[in-house]
Amino acid sequence: MAGREERTIYLVDASIYIFRSWFSLPDTLMASDGAPVNAVYGFMRFLTEFFENARPSNVMVAFDQSLTTSFRNEIYPDYKANRDPAPPELKVQLKACERLVESLGISCLKHPRFEADDLIASVAVLARENGYRVVVVSGDKDLSQVVHEGDLWWDYARNRKLDMQGVYELFGVWPNQIKDFLALVGDAVDNIPGVPGIGPKTASRLLRVYKDVDQLYERLEEVPRLGVRGAARLARELGERRESVMLARRLTALACDAPAGDQSPHHRIEAVDRATLDELLAWMARGEGYVDRIRSACSALV
């Protein structure tokens, strides 16, 4: 009988760890051609620590190719419009991170119209249908909505693993209510407006009474009698912004039917492509013992 970890699939959200490295590590870490490699190095260090700690049998890593071409941009052109485009030097590192994962024999998920979150959610559905437990590795609260019974949302940087109850205790709503929660409070990171006067505490209280925004609007006339401060004004704001809230919920809900290529949930690590990996490391390494640092970081994987 298969062990628990053999029936667990880890779905890694690459972007959050790449961008964190880009902003936190010095850009004086240079490749052989003078390009910065701080994001690649930091991402490699994360992968190494993750593999040492998790010892995963099945793992996939999701990348964002749809930062400006997502289906959400078609629905709402201002989606993520507040973000500056990635500079050329970061784009080079993003591609290098993809090559790193592929050379290590790890399956990648990427699509021009669907975000990494959608790809993870879609694979999670198939994985559960095949009897797998899902562990989402990310610090992004949006991905906590993927968590079902038996699953985990693992905020690796904070060493925080949350099941369904843990998500509820942290955010005040259940995983399947995260999309409604974000539709009400808004998401400044993605440029999604919320309802004025509704913060996390008010949103969680509303969603304890009404299971989702559909039920909230069906029973909107009850809101003034909820006994919360400014309830009458809150009901008016909700009524005036119904269309906006429904649009926001379309943006915050993860697509669970994204075409992610080979989505088989049984993804064991394949043989390492040493030629590609050595080429990548040779490009990355220059001075300050960087070759040794990178090879040491890779040792747990290769």
Protein backbone atom coordinates (compact mmCIF):
# COMPACT_ATOMS: atom_id res chain seq x y z
CA MET A 1 0.00 0.00 0.00
CA ALA A 2 1.38 3.41 -0.99
CA GLY A 3 2.64 5.61 1.82
CA ARG A 4 1.16 8.98 2.60
CA GLU A 5 3.92 10.97 0.91
CA GLU A 6 3.76 8.74 -2.18
CA ARG A 7 0.11 9.76 -2.50
CA THR A 8 0.86 13.45 -1.97
CA ILE A 9 1.50 15.92 -4.76
CA TYR A 10 3.27 19.21 -4.05
CA LEU A 11 2.22 22.11 -6.29
CA VAL A 12 4.74 24.94 -6.08
CA ASP A 13 3.93 28.55 -6.94
CA ALA A 14 7.25 29.67 -8.43
CA SER A 15 6.58 33.38 -8.87
CA ILE A 16 6.35 34.32 -5.21
CA TYR A 17 9.79 32.82 -4.49
CA ILE A 18 11.39 34.26 -7.63
CA PHE A 19 10.12 37.79 -7.00
CA ARG A 20 11.00 37.61 -3.32
CA SER A 21 14.58 36.74 -4.30
CA TRP A 22 14.66 39.50 -6.91
CA PHE A 23 13.77 42.12 -4.34
CA SER A 24 15.68 40.75 -1.34
CA LEU A 25 19.02 39.55 -2.74
CA PRO A 26 21.68 41.93 -4.06
CA ASP A 27 21.90 42.41 -7.81
CA THR A 28 25.68 42.22 -7.48
CA LEU A 29 25.31 38.45 -7.94
CA MET A 30 26.33 38.35 -11.58
CA ALA A 31 26.34 35.80 -14.39
CA SER A 32 29.32 35.25 -16.70
CA ASP A 33 27.90 37.83 -19.12
CA GLY A 34 27.35 40.43 -16.39
CA ALA A 35 23.60 39.85 -16.01
CA PRO A 36 22.20 39.71 -12.46
CA VAL A 37 21.26 36.24 -11.23
CA ASN A 38 19.98 37.07 -7.74
CA ALA A 39 16.45 35.82 -8.49
CA VAL A 40 17.73 32.54 -9.96
CA TYR A 41 20.07 31.94 -7.05
CA GLY A 42 17.39 32.70 -4.46
CA PHE A 43 14.89 30.47 -6.23
CA MET A 44 17.48 27.69 -6.43
CA ARG A 45 18.16 28.05 -2.71
CA PHE A 46 14.42 27.81 -2.00
CA LEU A 47 14.10 24.68 -4.16
CA THR A 48 17.04 23.07 -2.40
CA GLU A 49 15.64 23.73 1.09
CA PHE A 50 12.17 22.64 0.00
CA PHE A 51 13.45 19.32 -1.35
CA GLU A 52 15.54 18.71 1.75
CA ASN A 53 12.53 19.31 4.01
CA ALA A 54 9.67 17.81 2.01
CA ARG A 55 11.40 14.92 0.19
CA PRO A 56 8.56 14.96 -2.35
CA SER A 57 7.81 12.00 -4.57
CA ASN A 58 5.43 13.99 -6.76
CA VAL A 59 5.90 17.67 -7.51
CA MET A 60 5.04 20.26 -10.14
CA VAL A 61 6.16 23.87 -10.36
CA ALA A 62 3.84 26.52 -11.83
CA PHE A 63 5.09 29.65 -13.61
CA ASP A 64 3.25 32.79 -14.70
CA GLN A 65 3.38 33.44 -18.43
CA SER A 66 0.16 35.47 -18.40
CA LEU A 67 1.09 38.60 -16.45
CA THR A 68 -0.54 40.79 -19.13
CA THR A 69 -2.36 38.21 -21.28
CA SER A 70 -4.53 36.43 -18.72
CA PHE A 71 -8.18 35.78 -19.50
CA ARG A 72 -8.83 38.11 -16.56
CA ASN A 73 -7.37 41.00 -18.58
CA GLU A 74 -10.03 40.26 -21.19
CA ILE A 75 -12.74 40.53 -18.54
CA TYR A 76 -11.24 43.54 -16.77
CA PRO A 77 -8.51 45.47 -18.67
CA ASP A 78 -7.33 47.14 -15.45
CA TYR A 79 -6.50 43.79 -13.87
CA LYS A 80 -2.96 44.12 -12.44
CA ALA A 81 -2.59 47.39 -14.37
CA ASN A 82 -0.99 48.92 -11.27
CA ARG A 83 2.06 46.69 -11.67
CA ASP A 84 5.12 47.81 -13.58
CA PRO A 85 6.18 45.39 -16.33
CA ALA A 86 9.07 43.11 -15.48
CA PRO A 87 12.38 44.69 -16.51
CA PRO A 88 14.42 42.83 -19.18
CA GLU A 89 16.98 41.64 -16.64
CA LEU A 90 14.23 39.97 -14.60
CA LYS A 91 12.64 38.39 -17.68
CA VAL A 92 15.97 36.71 -18.41
CA GLN A 93 16.04 35.31 -14.89
CA LEU A 94 12.43 34.08 -15.11
CA LYS A 95 13.34 32.04 -18.19
CA ALA A 96 16.46 30.78 -16.41
CA CYS A 97 14.32 29.61 -13.49
CA GLU A 98 12.11 27.65 -15.88
CA ARG A 99 15.18 26.07 -17.47
CA LEU A 100 16.50 25.22 -14.00
CA VAL A 101 13.32 23.38 -13.03
CA GLU A 102 13.12 21.53 -16.34
CA SER A 103 16.80 20.53 -16.23
CA LEU A 104 16.25 19.06 -12.76
CA GLY A 105 13.58 16.75 -14.16
CA ILE A 106 10.70 18.56 -12.45
CA SER A 107 7.43 19.05 -14.32
CA CYS A 108 6.54 22.66 -15.17
CA LEU A 109 3.10 24.24 -15.54
CA LYS A 110 2.73 27.36 -17.68
CA HIS A 111 0.15 28.83 -20.04
CA PRO A 112 -0.22 32.22 -21.79
CA ARG A 113 -3.87 32.76 -20.78
CA PHE A 114 -4.02 31.15 -17.35
CA GLU A 115 -2.07 32.17 -14.29
CA ALA A 116 -0.01 29.83 -12.15
CA ASP A 117 -2.82 29.84 -9.56
CA ASP A 118 -5.29 28.53 -12.14
CA LEU A 119 -2.92 25.81 -13.27
CA ILE A 120 -2.35 24.71 -9.69
CA ALA A 121 -6.09 24.67 -8.99
CA SER A 122 -6.74 22.63 -12.14
CA VAL A 123 -4.08 20.03 -11.37
CA ALA A 124 -5.37 19.82 -7.79
CA VAL A 125 -8.82 18.79 -9.07
CA LEU A 126 -7.33 15.99 -11.18
CA ALA A 127 -5.01 14.92 -8.37
CA ARG A 128 -7.88 14.47 -5.92
CA GLU A 129 -9.83 12.50 -8.50
CA ASN A 130 -6.87 10.13 -8.62
CA GLY A 131 -6.63 9.78 -4.85
CA TYR A 132 -3.87 12.27 -4.15
CA ARG A 133 -3.53 14.64 -1.24
CA VAL A 134 -2.59 18.16 -2.37
CA VAL A 135 -0.02 20.44 -0.74
CA VAL A 136 0.11 23.93 -2.26
CA VAL A 137 3.47 25.58 -1.62
CA SER A 138 2.91 29.35 -1.66
CA GLY A 139 2.50 32.39 0.55
CA ASP A 140 -0.26 33.75 -1.69
CA LYS A 141 -3.60 33.82 0.13
CA ASP A 142 -5.44 33.42 -3.19
CA LEU A 143 -4.17 29.85 -3.37
CA SER A 144 -5.57 28.94 0.03
CA GLN A 145 -8.91 28.49 -1.77
CA VAL A 146 -7.45 25.33 -3.33
CA VAL A 147 -7.39 23.58 0.06
CA HIS A 148 -9.93 20.76 0.53
CA GLU A 149 -10.27 18.19 3.28
CA GLY A 150 -6.87 16.55 3.83
CA ASP A 151 -4.95 19.17 1.84
CA LEU A 152 -2.48 21.78 3.05
CA TRP A 153 -1.51 25.34 2.11
CA TRP A 154 2.18 25.64 2.97
CA ASP A 155 3.55 29.15 3.37
CA TYR A 156 7.11 27.93 3.17
CA ALA A 157 8.88 31.19 4.07
CA ARG A 158 6.93 31.44 7.34
CA ASN A 159 6.98 27.68 7.95
CA ARG A 160 3.19 27.78 8.23
CA LYS A 161 1.12 24.80 7.13
CA LEU A 162 -2.64 25.28 7.15
CA ASP A 163 -5.46 22.81 6.63
CA MET A 164 -9.05 23.94 6.09
CA GLN A 165 -9.46 24.85 9.76
CA GLY A 166 -6.16 26.69 9.74
CA VAL A 167 -7.21 28.77 6.73
CA TYR A 168 -10.41 29.67 8.58
CA GLU A 169 -8.52 30.68 11.71
CA LEU A 170 -6.06 32.83 9.74
CA PHE A 171 -8.41 34.58 7.32
CA GLY A 172 -11.75 34.29 9.09
CA VAL A 173 -13.37 32.42 6.18
CA TRP A 174 -13.26 28.89 4.79
CA PRO A 175 -11.12 28.13 1.72
CA ASN A 176 -14.14 28.03 -0.60
CA GLN A 177 -15.06 31.54 0.59
CA ILE A 178 -11.69 33.15 -0.16
CA LYS A 179 -12.84 34.33 -3.60
CA ASP A 180 -15.92 35.98 -2.04
CA PHE A 181 -13.81 37.47 0.75
CA LEU A 182 -11.44 39.05 -1.77
CA ALA A 183 -14.33 40.29 -3.90
CA LEU A 184 -15.66 42.18 -0.88
CA VAL A 185 -12.42 43.57 0.58
CA GLY A 186 -10.64 44.00 -2.76
CA ASP A 187 -7.09 43.05 -3.63
CA ALA A 188 -4.74 45.98 -4.10
CA VAL A 189 -1.97 43.70 -5.38
CA ASP A 190 -4.11 42.69 -8.37
CA ASN A 191 -5.83 46.09 -8.70
CA ILE A 192 -9.24 44.66 -7.77
CA PRO A 193 -11.47 47.22 -6.03
CA GLY A 194 -13.48 46.19 -3.00
CA VAL A 195 -16.52 47.70 -1.30
CA PRO A 196 -15.80 50.91 0.67
CA GLY A 197 -16.14 50.27 4.38
CA ILE A 198 -15.64 46.52 4.13
CA GLY A 199 -12.40 45.31 5.63
CA PRO A 200 -11.36 41.76 6.52
CA LYS A 201 -13.34 41.65 9.79
CA THR A 202 -16.57 42.88 8.21
CA ALA A 203 -16.16 40.58 5.21
CA SER A 204 -15.59 37.54 7.40
CA ARG A 205 -18.62 38.42 9.52
CA LEU A 206 -20.80 38.75 6.42
CA LEU A 207 -19.56 35.41 5.11
CA ARG A 208 -20.27 33.71 8.42
CA VAL A 209 -23.91 34.71 7.94
CA TYR A 210 -24.09 34.34 4.17
CA LYS A 211 -22.07 31.54 2.59
CA ASP A 212 -21.12 33.57 -0.50
CA VAL A 213 -21.82 36.88 -2.25
CA ASP A 214 -24.70 35.31 -4.18
CA GLN A 215 -26.55 34.58 -0.96
CA LEU A 216 -25.52 37.95 0.44
CA TYR A 217 -27.25 39.74 -2.42
CA GLU A 218 -30.27 37.46 -2.29
CA ARG A 219 -30.75 38.54 1.35
CA LEU A 220 -29.35 42.05 1.13
CA GLU A 221 -32.40 43.50 2.88
CA GLU A 222 -31.28 41.72 6.08
CA VAL A 223 -27.91 43.47 6.26
CA PRO A 224 -29.18 46.66 8.00
CA ARG A 225 -30.42 44.46 10.84
CA LEU A 226 -27.17 42.56 11.42
CA GLY A 227 -26.22 44.73 14.36
CA VAL A 228 -22.88 45.83 12.95
CA ARG A 229 -21.75 49.44 13.00
CA GLY A 230 -22.91 51.36 9.94
CA ALA A 231 -25.01 48.42 8.71
CA ALA A 232 -27.49 50.61 6.81
CA ARG A 233 -24.69 52.41 4.97
CA LEU A 234 -22.99 49.08 4.33
CA ALA A 235 -26.16 47.71 2.70
CA ARG A 236 -26.36 50.78 0.46
CA GLU A 237 -22.71 50.45 -0.59
CA LEU A 238 -23.23 46.78 -1.39
CA GLY A 239 -26.35 47.52 -3.39
CA GLU A 240 -24.66 50.26 -5.42
CA ARG A 241 -21.64 48.09 -6.17
CA ARG A 242 -23.31 44.78 -6.93
CA GLU A 243 -22.01 44.67 -10.50
CA SER A 244 -18.49 45.53 -9.34
CA VAL A 245 -18.54 42.84 -6.64
CA MET A 246 -19.74 40.18 -9.08
CA LEU A 247 -17.02 41.15 -11.52
CA ALA A 248 -14.44 41.02 -8.73
CA ARG A 249 -15.59 37.52 -7.78
CA ARG A 250 -15.00 36.39 -11.39
CA LEU A 251 -11.46 37.73 -11.08
CA THR A 252 -10.68 36.27 -7.65
CA ALA A 253 -12.10 32.80 -8.35
CA LEU A 254 -9.49 30.35 -9.62
CA ALA A 255 -10.17 28.56 -12.88
CA CYS A 256 -10.20 24.82 -12.22
CA ASP A 257 -10.38 23.77 -15.87
CA ALA A 258 -7.23 25.41 -17.22
CA PRO A 259 -5.49 23.54 -20.06
CA ALA A 260 -2.17 22.78 -18.41
CA GLY A 261 -0.83 20.19 -20.83
CA ASP A 262 0.03 16.89 -19.21
CA GLN A 263 -1.81 17.24 -15.93
CA SER A 264 -1.30 13.71 -14.67
CA PRO A 265 -1.09 14.05 -10.90
CA HIS A 266 1.59 11.37 -10.62
CA HIS A 267 4.71 13.38 -11.29
CA ARG A 268 7.90 11.89 -10.00
CA ILE A 269 11.18 13.66 -10.63
CA GLU A 270 12.73 12.50 -13.88
CA ALA A 271 16.43 12.15 -14.70
CA VAL A 272 18.47 15.32 -14.40
CA ASP A 273 19.53 16.90 -17.71
CA ARG A 274 23.10 17.48 -16.63
CA ALA A 275 24.18 19.11 -19.90
CA THR A 276 21.52 21.81 -19.61
CA LEU A 277 22.10 22.20 -15.88
CA ASP A 278 25.87 22.55 -16.32
CA GLU A 279 25.33 25.11 -19.08
CA LEU A 280 23.02 27.09 -16.82
CA LEU A 281 25.43 26.94 -13.88
CA ALA A 282 28.34 27.96 -16.11
CA TRP A 283 26.35 31.01 -17.24
CA MET A 284 25.42 31.88 -13.67
CA ALA A 285 28.83 31.45 -12.04
CA ARG A 286 31.52 34.14 -12.03
CA GLY A 287 33.92 34.93 -9.19
CA GLU A 288 33.49 34.93 -5.41
CA GLY A 289 33.30 31.14 -5.28
CA TYR A 290 29.89 31.32 -6.92
CA VAL A 291 30.32 28.00 -8.77
CA ASP A 292 30.80 26.20 -5.47
CA ARG A 293 27.81 27.98 -3.91
CA ILE A 294 25.51 27.05 -6.78
CA ARG A 295 26.69 23.46 -6.98
CA SER A 296 26.26 23.15 -3.21
CA ALA A 297 22.74 24.54 -3.50
CA CYS A 298 21.96 21.99 -6.23
CA SER A 299 23.44 19.00 -4.40
CA ALA A 300 20.20 18.04 -2.68
CA LEU A 301 18.40 17.93 -6.01
CA VAL A 302 20.93 16.31 -8.31
